[in-house]
Amino acid sequence: MLKATVLVATTHRYYPTVRLALALAKAGCQVEALCPPNHPLAMTRAARRLHTYYGLAPLRSVHHAISSAKPDFIVPCDDLSTQHLYRLHERERQAGENGKPTCALIERSLGAPESYPLISARTAFMELAREEGIRVPATSVINTMDELKQWTSRFGFPAVLKANGSSGGDGTRIVHTLEEAARAFRRLQAPPLLARAAKRALVDGDHTLLWPWLLRRRSVVNAQAFVVGHEATSSTLCWQGAVLARLHFEVLKKAKPTGHATVLRLIEHPEMCDAVEKIARRLHLSGWHGFDFMLEAHTGNAYLIEINPRITQVGHLAFGPGHDLPAAFYAALCGSPIREAGKVTDGDTVALFPQEWIRDPASEYLRTAYHDVPWEEPALVSDSIRQSRTQRGWYAKHNSVVLSPPLPVSARPQRHTVELDCEAK
């Protein structure tokens, strides 16, 4: 039987993309990838073929990869790649008969096209969730400073401001005063700064901010009531409106207050399960989706605060029946019984690599939790460490920091050899 071909699509140099590709290949999929040049995927054998993503010609890049790979399914790995698929679907829909195959593929991969605008608009999505009886914080679109003043006078501080189309905490600010709110509102609404767009393009090889800067594109900003409590997150695999597998985690540590999680604890939470199932059914979702919650202090009530129409950084983890997304995905794609991989750990706490090591190299979780290091991919481990040291100013002040636990001596020569071979190719 021929293997199903999956196209993983990313606009960034994110390591979770590599981890998912490895997990999908292990589950039995034939993986191809759309990614920027010099992506860490090239250091592994997870993808049979890499297709180049060009930030200045995004839809052309996506369409070319689809035409070349002829995938059975597309898995977007960041919010921008999902937005590209939405836009490509609209363009191909207008093309009539010629565009039908691409539209059908995107709908199979993401779900009903009627849901795309709702998922992209934070306030509209919150209203839909409220209609489903899901607990959500008050959320409204803010267009002017007067609207911001009126909203904060009604709901008070702290408050959360979020820009549509942002991810990873880049477009989120927690504000405590009207002055803070005004500064954050202007910053979130404004087009990207030239310096930021240029740095991304020239240093990181990431051209995704150039078009927004050139077009002076302003973002829609939403205000959301702050829920006192702690964060939780769900990574789910949906198929034609049903949830096939899910992972619910309580967030124990974060890189920064509005950033990504670095340590998580696996939990079961009926209210989170119910919310995810209602949204999947209402929007007829397919593919990977992440859901973020706040668990209210003292009550434990789960407030849904946003949806992420893509994989999340824990999507590759396997925790047994019903909690192994790659295995459930392969089974659904091929119409075969689910063959779960073994649980990654019998514990319930996961320290993500290199995220938690970057946050605190002396973190107790690197010793007491399951430290999710891809030891079977030494070149990837080495690249993660090198890129982390290059990109984070923290390392300029801590030149003597080493990985904890340290890399095995036996892995070091192999890692460097693989890197040199990859660079030579």
Protein backbone atom coordinates (compact mmCIF):
# COMPACT_ATOMS: atom_id res chain seq x y z
CA MET A 1 0.00 0.00 0.00
CA LEU A 2 1.30 3.44 -0.95
CA LYS A 3 2.03 5.79 1.91
CA ALA A 4 -0.18 8.86 2.29
CA THR A 5 1.73 12.04 1.46
CA VAL A 6 1.53 14.91 3.94
CA LEU A 7 2.78 18.42 3.20
CA VAL A 8 3.82 20.28 6.34
CA ALA A 9 3.88 24.02 5.69
CA THR A 10 5.73 26.65 7.68
CA THR A 11 6.85 30.23 7.13
CA HIS A 12 9.26 30.23 10.08
CA ARG A 13 12.28 28.37 11.36
CA TYR A 14 10.32 26.75 14.18
CA TYR A 15 11.62 23.52 15.72
CA PRO A 16 8.11 22.16 16.52
CA THR A 17 7.68 21.76 12.75
CA VAL A 18 10.63 19.38 12.69
CA ARG A 19 9.33 17.44 15.68
CA LEU A 20 5.95 16.97 14.03
CA ALA A 21 7.49 15.92 10.72
CA LEU A 22 9.56 13.31 12.54
CA ALA A 23 6.48 12.03 14.36
CA LEU A 24 4.42 11.83 11.17
CA ALA A 25 7.19 9.94 9.36
CA LYS A 26 7.44 7.54 12.30
CA ALA A 27 3.67 7.01 12.21
CA GLY A 28 3.92 5.92 8.56
CA CYS A 29 3.33 9.08 6.51
CA GLN A 30 5.44 10.18 3.58
CA VAL A 31 6.35 13.75 4.50
CA GLU A 32 7.20 16.68 2.27
CA ALA A 33 7.68 20.21 3.57
CA LEU A 34 7.23 23.80 2.47
CA CYS A 35 9.68 25.88 4.49
CA PRO A 36 12.11 28.80 4.27
CA PRO A 37 15.68 28.15 3.07
CA ASN A 38 18.10 26.63 5.60
CA HIS A 39 15.28 25.20 7.70
CA PRO A 40 16.37 22.68 10.38
CA LEU A 41 14.22 20.06 8.64
CA ALA A 42 17.15 19.67 6.25
CA MET A 43 19.19 18.22 9.13
CA THR A 44 16.87 15.22 9.43
CA ARG A 45 15.43 12.56 7.16
CA ALA A 46 11.88 13.32 8.21
CA ALA A 47 10.91 14.95 4.90
CA ARG A 48 11.42 13.25 1.56
CA ARG A 49 11.60 16.61 -0.19
CA LEU A 50 11.72 20.30 0.80
CA HIS A 51 9.94 23.03 -1.15
CA THR A 52 11.18 26.58 -0.69
CA TYR A 53 8.90 29.18 0.87
CA TYR A 54 9.46 32.74 -0.32
CA GLY A 55 8.00 35.42 1.93
CA LEU A 56 7.69 37.89 -0.97
CA ALA A 57 5.72 35.38 -3.08
CA PRO A 58 3.81 33.35 -0.48
CA LEU A 59 0.81 32.10 -2.48
CA ARG A 60 3.00 31.17 -5.42
CA SER A 61 5.24 29.21 -3.01
CA VAL A 62 2.30 27.35 -1.48
CA HIS A 63 0.66 26.59 -4.82
CA HIS A 64 3.94 25.34 -6.31
CA ALA A 65 4.54 23.03 -3.34
CA ILE A 66 1.02 21.60 -3.62
CA SER A 67 1.37 21.07 -7.38
CA SER A 68 4.74 19.38 -6.95
CA ALA A 69 4.07 17.23 -3.86
CA LYS A 70 0.45 16.32 -4.73
CA PRO A 71 -0.25 15.72 -1.05
CA ASP A 72 -3.21 13.95 0.48
CA PHE A 73 -3.25 16.44 3.36
CA ILE A 74 -1.63 19.74 4.36
CA VAL A 75 -0.61 20.52 7.94
CA PRO A 76 0.06 24.24 8.57
CA CYS A 77 2.62 24.77 11.31
CA ASP A 78 2.15 28.48 12.07
CA ASP A 79 -0.63 31.05 11.81
CA LEU A 80 0.75 32.72 8.70
CA SER A 81 0.88 29.48 6.73
CA THR A 82 -2.77 28.90 7.68
CA GLN A 83 -3.65 32.39 6.44
CA HIS A 84 -1.88 31.63 3.16
CA LEU A 85 -4.05 28.53 2.75
CA TYR A 86 -7.19 30.54 3.44
CA ARG A 87 -6.20 33.11 0.80
CA LEU A 88 -5.21 30.42 -1.70
CA HIS A 89 -8.58 28.73 -1.20
CA GLU A 90 -10.37 31.99 -2.01
CA ARG A 91 -8.23 32.58 -5.09
CA GLU A 92 -8.72 29.05 -6.39
CA ARG A 93 -12.45 29.17 -5.68
CA GLN A 94 -12.70 32.18 -7.97
CA ALA A 95 -10.79 30.26 -10.65
CA GLY A 96 -13.73 27.89 -11.13
CA GLU A 97 -13.17 24.31 -12.29
CA ASN A 98 -9.39 24.68 -12.46
CA GLY A 99 -9.24 25.56 -8.79
CA LYS A 100 -11.53 22.82 -7.47
CA PRO A 101 -8.81 20.22 -6.67
CA THR A 102 -6.81 22.71 -4.57
CA CYS A 103 -9.96 23.92 -2.79
CA ALA A 104 -10.95 20.34 -1.99
CA LEU A 105 -7.49 19.60 -0.57
CA ILE A 106 -7.51 22.70 1.66
CA GLU A 107 -11.03 21.94 2.89
CA ARG A 108 -10.04 18.36 3.67
CA SER A 109 -7.02 19.64 5.59
CA LEU A 110 -8.59 22.53 7.52
CA GLY A 111 -12.33 22.01 7.52
CA ALA A 112 -15.33 23.95 6.24
CA PRO A 113 -14.36 27.19 4.43
CA GLU A 114 -17.23 29.01 6.16
CA SER A 115 -15.20 28.74 9.37
CA TYR A 116 -12.06 30.47 8.04
CA PRO A 117 -13.19 34.09 8.64
CA LEU A 118 -14.47 33.24 12.13
CA ILE A 119 -11.22 31.58 13.17
CA SER A 120 -9.22 34.58 11.93
CA ALA A 121 -11.24 37.15 13.91
CA ARG A 122 -10.73 36.88 17.66
CA THR A 123 -13.89 38.69 18.76
CA ALA A 124 -16.14 36.89 16.26
CA PHE A 125 -14.73 33.56 17.42
CA MET A 126 -15.40 34.43 21.06
CA GLU A 127 -19.02 35.28 20.21
CA LEU A 128 -19.43 31.95 18.44
CA ALA A 129 -18.02 30.11 21.47
CA ARG A 130 -20.42 31.98 23.73
CA GLU A 131 -23.32 30.88 21.50
CA GLU A 132 -22.21 27.29 22.09
CA GLY A 133 -22.47 27.75 25.85
CA ILE A 134 -18.70 27.84 26.33
CA ARG A 135 -17.31 29.99 29.11
CA VAL A 136 -15.38 32.92 27.55
CA PRO A 137 -14.13 36.31 28.81
CA ALA A 138 -15.69 39.51 27.45
CA THR A 139 -13.97 40.39 24.16
CA SER A 140 -14.49 43.32 21.79
CA VAL A 141 -12.84 44.86 18.72
CA ILE A 142 -11.25 48.23 19.55
CA ASN A 143 -10.98 50.74 16.72
CA THR A 144 -10.21 54.03 18.46
CA MET A 145 -8.78 55.41 21.67
CA ASP A 146 -12.28 56.48 22.74
CA GLU A 147 -13.51 52.90 22.39
CA LEU A 148 -10.52 51.72 24.42
CA LYS A 149 -11.33 54.18 27.21
CA GLN A 150 -14.97 53.11 27.25
CA TRP A 151 -14.09 49.42 27.30
CA THR A 152 -11.55 49.71 30.12
CA SER A 153 -13.91 51.88 32.18
CA ARG A 154 -16.46 49.09 31.93
CA PHE A 155 -14.26 46.03 32.45
CA GLY A 156 -11.34 47.53 34.37
CA PHE A 157 -7.72 46.45 34.68
CA PRO A 158 -5.73 44.39 34.12
CA ALA A 159 -6.87 43.87 30.55
CA VAL A 160 -5.49 41.95 27.58
CA LEU A 161 -5.01 43.52 24.14
CA LYS A 162 -4.58 41.15 21.18
CA ALA A 163 -3.95 41.80 17.49
CA ASN A 164 -5.61 39.58 14.89
CA GLY A 165 -3.18 37.47 12.90
CA SER A 166 -0.51 37.39 15.60
CA SER A 167 0.85 34.34 17.41
CA GLY A 168 3.36 33.24 20.01
CA GLY A 169 2.51 36.19 22.22
CA ASP A 170 3.98 38.72 19.74
CA GLY A 171 0.63 40.45 19.34
CA THR A 172 -0.55 40.26 22.95
CA ARG A 173 -0.11 42.78 25.77
CA ILE A 174 -1.34 42.65 29.36
CA VAL A 175 -1.98 46.23 30.49
CA HIS A 176 -2.65 47.65 33.96
CA THR A 177 -3.31 51.33 33.36
CA LEU A 178 -4.93 53.48 30.70
CA GLU A 179 -1.52 54.86 29.74
CA GLU A 180 -0.16 51.35 29.23
CA ALA A 181 -3.27 50.41 27.26
CA ALA A 182 -2.92 53.44 24.97
CA ARG A 183 0.73 52.68 24.22
CA ALA A 184 0.00 49.00 23.59
CA PHE A 185 -2.99 49.80 21.38
CA ARG A 186 -0.95 52.11 19.15
CA ARG A 187 1.89 49.59 18.94
CA LEU A 188 -0.34 46.62 18.12
CA GLN A 189 -2.40 48.50 15.55
CA ALA A 190 0.58 50.00 13.70
CA PRO A 191 2.31 48.33 10.72
CA PRO A 192 5.61 46.56 11.49
CA LEU A 193 8.59 48.84 11.99
CA LEU A 194 11.11 48.94 9.15
CA ALA A 195 13.93 48.00 11.51
CA ARG A 196 12.05 44.90 12.68
CA ALA A 197 11.09 43.84 9.15
CA ALA A 198 14.65 44.40 7.90
CA LYS A 199 16.21 42.49 10.79
CA ARG A 200 13.86 39.56 10.20
CA ALA A 201 14.70 39.54 6.49
CA LEU A 202 18.46 40.12 6.61
CA VAL A 203 19.43 38.29 9.81
CA ASP A 204 16.80 35.57 10.14
CA GLY A 205 16.03 35.09 6.44
CA ASP A 206 12.36 35.68 7.30
CA HIS A 207 10.53 37.94 4.82
CA THR A 208 7.07 37.60 6.34
CA LEU A 209 6.96 41.18 7.68
CA LEU A 210 8.04 42.88 4.46
CA TRP A 211 4.63 42.93 2.78
CA PRO A 212 2.81 44.25 5.88
CA TRP A 213 5.48 46.97 6.15
CA LEU A 214 5.38 47.86 2.45
CA LEU A 215 1.57 47.97 2.40
CA ARG A 216 1.41 49.82 5.75
CA ARG A 217 -1.08 47.18 6.86
CA ARG A 218 -2.70 47.95 10.22
CA SER A 219 -3.91 45.22 12.55
CA VAL A 220 -7.33 44.78 14.12
CA VAL A 221 -6.94 45.02 17.91
CA ASN A 222 -9.20 43.25 20.41
CA ALA A 223 -9.63 43.89 24.12
CA GLN A 224 -10.27 40.91 26.36
CA ALA A 225 -11.18 40.81 30.03
CA PHE A 226 -8.42 39.38 32.21
CA VAL A 227 -9.21 36.08 33.95
CA VAL A 228 -7.39 35.59 37.23
CA GLY A 229 -5.93 32.10 37.24
CA HIS A 230 -3.40 30.09 35.30
CA GLU A 231 -3.14 29.02 31.69
CA ALA A 232 -3.96 25.72 30.06
CA THR A 233 -3.72 24.56 26.48
CA SER A 234 -5.16 21.83 24.28
CA SER A 235 -3.63 20.30 21.18
CA THR A 236 -6.28 18.46 19.18
CA LEU A 237 -6.65 16.43 16.01
CA CYS A 238 -10.01 16.99 14.36
CA TRP A 239 -11.57 15.13 11.47
CA GLN A 240 -14.69 16.40 9.73
CA GLY A 241 -15.99 18.01 12.90
CA ALA A 242 -15.03 15.27 15.34
CA VAL A 243 -12.12 15.22 17.81
CA LEU A 244 -10.06 12.06 17.28
CA ALA A 245 -7.28 12.71 19.79
CA ARG A 246 -6.36 15.46 22.22
CA LEU A 247 -3.79 16.54 24.77
CA HIS A 248 -4.79 18.90 27.57
CA PHE A 249 -2.00 20.58 29.52
CA GLU A 250 -1.73 22.96 32.44
CA VAL A 251 1.01 25.52 31.79
CA LEU A 252 3.58 25.52 34.59
CA LYS A 253 6.25 27.80 33.12
CA LYS A 254 6.40 30.28 30.23
CA ALA A 255 9.20 32.02 28.36
CA LYS A 256 7.54 35.36 29.19
CA PRO A 257 4.09 36.41 30.48
CA THR A 258 2.54 36.49 27.00
CA GLY A 259 4.89 33.98 25.37
CA HIS A 260 4.90 30.26 24.70
CA ALA A 261 4.89 27.57 27.36
CA THR A 262 8.14 25.89 28.38
CA VAL A 263 6.88 23.38 30.99
CA LEU A 264 3.48 21.68 30.95
CA ARG A 265 1.59 19.12 33.00
CA LEU A 266 -0.81 16.68 31.34
CA ILE A 267 -4.33 16.97 32.77
CA GLU A 268 -7.87 15.81 32.16
CA HIS A 269 -10.42 18.61 32.32
CA PRO A 270 -14.04 17.85 31.31
CA GLU A 271 -14.89 21.48 30.60
CA MET A 272 -11.92 21.85 28.24
CA CYS A 273 -12.88 18.61 26.47
CA ASP A 274 -16.46 19.79 26.09
CA ALA A 275 -15.42 23.18 24.71
CA VAL A 276 -13.05 21.67 22.14
CA GLU A 277 -15.66 19.18 20.95
CA LYS A 278 -18.32 21.89 20.59
CA ILE A 279 -16.03 24.14 18.54
CA ALA A 280 -14.85 21.27 16.32
CA ARG A 281 -18.44 20.29 15.63
CA ARG A 282 -19.74 23.84 15.10
CA LEU A 283 -16.93 24.84 12.70
CA HIS A 284 -16.58 21.36 11.16
CA LEU A 285 -12.84 21.41 11.79
CA SER A 286 -10.23 19.06 10.35
CA GLY A 287 -6.54 18.79 11.09
CA TRP A 288 -4.48 20.09 13.98
CA HIS A 289 -5.87 22.89 16.15
CA GLY A 290 -4.73 24.40 19.43
CA PHE A 291 -7.01 25.93 22.05
CA ASP A 292 -5.88 28.20 24.87
CA PHE A 293 -7.72 28.46 28.18
CA MET A 294 -7.51 30.23 31.50
CA LEU A 295 -8.34 28.06 34.52
CA GLU A 296 -9.96 30.43 36.98
CA ALA A 297 -8.39 30.63 40.42
CA HIS A 298 -10.47 29.12 43.27
CA THR A 299 -13.08 27.58 40.91
CA GLY A 300 -11.00 25.82 38.24
CA ASN A 301 -13.55 26.92 35.62
CA ALA A 302 -12.09 26.84 32.10
CA TYR A 303 -12.38 30.03 30.06
CA LEU A 304 -11.61 29.60 26.36
CA ILE A 305 -9.49 32.57 25.26
CA GLU A 306 -8.42 31.71 21.70
CA ILE A 307 -8.02 29.16 18.94
CA ASN A 308 -4.85 28.42 16.97
CA PRO A 309 -5.61 26.83 13.55
CA ARG A 310 -2.31 24.97 13.31
CA ILE A 311 -0.09 22.52 15.15
CA THR A 312 1.16 23.52 18.57
CA GLN A 313 4.56 22.77 20.05
CA VAL A 314 3.26 19.63 21.83
CA GLY A 315 1.52 18.04 18.83
CA HIS A 316 4.21 15.38 18.37
CA LEU A 317 3.97 13.97 21.90
CA ALA A 318 2.37 10.56 22.46
CA PHE A 319 0.60 9.73 25.72
CA GLY A 320 -1.27 6.54 24.85
CA PRO A 321 -4.79 5.80 23.54
CA GLY A 322 -6.69 8.95 22.64
CA HIS A 323 -3.61 11.05 23.31
CA ASP A 324 -1.40 10.24 20.29
CA LEU A 325 -2.22 12.76 17.58
CA PRO A 326 0.21 11.52 14.86
CA ALA A 327 -1.03 7.93 15.19
CA ALA A 328 -4.68 9.01 15.08
CA PHE A 329 -3.94 11.20 12.07
CA TYR A 330 -2.30 8.40 10.10
CA ALA A 331 -5.16 6.03 10.87
CA ALA A 332 -7.78 8.55 9.75
CA LEU A 333 -5.85 9.42 6.61
CA CYS A 334 -5.36 5.80 5.56
CA GLY A 335 -8.57 4.32 6.97
CA SER A 336 -6.63 1.88 9.10
CA PRO A 337 -6.73 0.93 12.80
CA ILE A 338 -4.90 3.26 15.16
CA ARG A 339 -1.43 2.05 16.12
CA GLU A 340 -0.32 4.24 18.99
CA ALA A 341 3.35 4.72 19.72
CA GLY A 342 4.55 4.06 23.24
CA LYS A 343 4.03 6.80 25.81
CA VAL A 344 6.94 9.23 25.87
CA THR A 345 6.89 9.11 29.66
CA ASP A 346 4.92 7.58 32.50
CA GLY A 347 5.05 10.95 34.23
CA ASP A 348 2.74 13.85 33.51
CA THR A 349 5.17 16.79 33.32
CA VAL A 350 7.07 17.79 30.18
CA ALA A 351 9.92 20.29 29.87
CA LEU A 352 10.10 21.40 26.25
CA PHE A 353 13.48 21.60 24.52
CA PRO A 354 15.10 24.03 24.00
CA GLN A 355 12.44 26.33 25.46
CA GLU A 356 12.83 25.51 29.14
CA TRP A 357 16.62 25.31 28.92
CA ILE A 358 16.62 28.82 27.40
CA ARG A 359 14.32 30.14 30.12
CA ASP A 360 16.41 28.73 32.96
CA PRO A 361 19.41 26.41 32.42
CA ALA A 362 19.27 25.55 36.12
CA SER A 363 15.54 24.73 36.09
CA GLU A 364 14.58 21.85 38.34
CA TYR A 365 12.19 20.65 35.61
CA LEU A 366 15.14 19.71 33.41
CA ARG A 367 15.88 17.03 36.01
CA THR A 368 12.48 16.13 37.47
CA ALA A 369 10.24 16.30 34.38
CA TYR A 370 10.45 14.50 31.07
CA HIS A 371 12.92 16.67 29.12
CA ASP A 372 11.76 16.44 25.51
CA VAL A 373 15.16 16.45 23.80
CA PRO A 374 15.32 14.70 20.38
CA TRP A 375 18.46 12.75 21.23
CA GLU A 376 17.97 10.59 18.12
CA GLU A 377 18.64 13.72 16.02
CA PRO A 378 22.00 15.03 17.32
CA ALA A 379 22.39 17.58 14.52
CA LEU A 380 19.01 19.04 15.41
CA VAL A 381 19.95 19.23 19.09
CA SER A 382 23.20 20.98 18.22
CA ASP A 383 21.46 23.45 15.90
CA SER A 384 18.81 24.20 18.53
CA ILE A 385 21.52 25.10 21.02
CA ARG A 386 23.54 27.17 18.56
CA GLN A 387 20.52 29.11 17.27
CA SER A 388 19.28 29.73 20.79
CA ARG A 389 22.60 31.21 21.81
CA THR A 390 22.71 33.38 18.68
CA GLN A 391 19.17 34.72 18.93
CA ARG A 392 18.83 35.36 22.62
CA GLY A 393 20.75 38.26 24.16
CA TRP A 394 20.72 36.32 27.40
CA TYR A 395 23.65 34.25 26.23
CA ALA A 396 25.87 37.28 25.75
CA LYS A 397 25.96 37.57 29.56
CA HIS A 398 26.21 33.84 30.28
CA ASN A 399 28.92 32.45 28.01
CA SER A 400 29.68 29.55 30.33
CA VAL A 401 26.18 28.03 30.29
CA VAL A 402 26.00 24.35 29.28
CA LEU A 403 23.03 22.16 28.55
CA SER A 404 21.50 20.41 31.54
CA PRO A 405 21.56 17.47 31.35
CA PRO A 406 24.84 17.68 29.39
CA LEU A 407 25.12 16.22 25.91
CA PRO A 408 26.57 12.71 26.03
CA VAL A 409 30.21 12.66 24.95
CA SER A 410 29.40 9.96 22.40
CA ALA A 411 26.87 12.23 20.70
CA ARG A 412 29.19 15.18 20.17
CA PRO A 413 31.43 13.94 17.32
CA GLN A 414 28.45 12.48 15.48
CA ARG A 415 26.54 15.74 15.82
CA HIS A 416 29.33 17.85 14.35
CA THR A 417 29.94 15.34 11.56
CA VAL A 418 26.30 15.41 10.54
CA GLU A 419 26.30 19.22 10.56
CA LEU A 420 29.36 19.41 8.35
CA ASP A 421 27.90 16.88 5.93
CA CYS A 422 24.61 18.80 5.72
CA GLU A 423 26.41 22.09 5.11
CA ALA A 424 28.58 20.53 2.43
CA LYS A 425 25.50 19.32 0.59
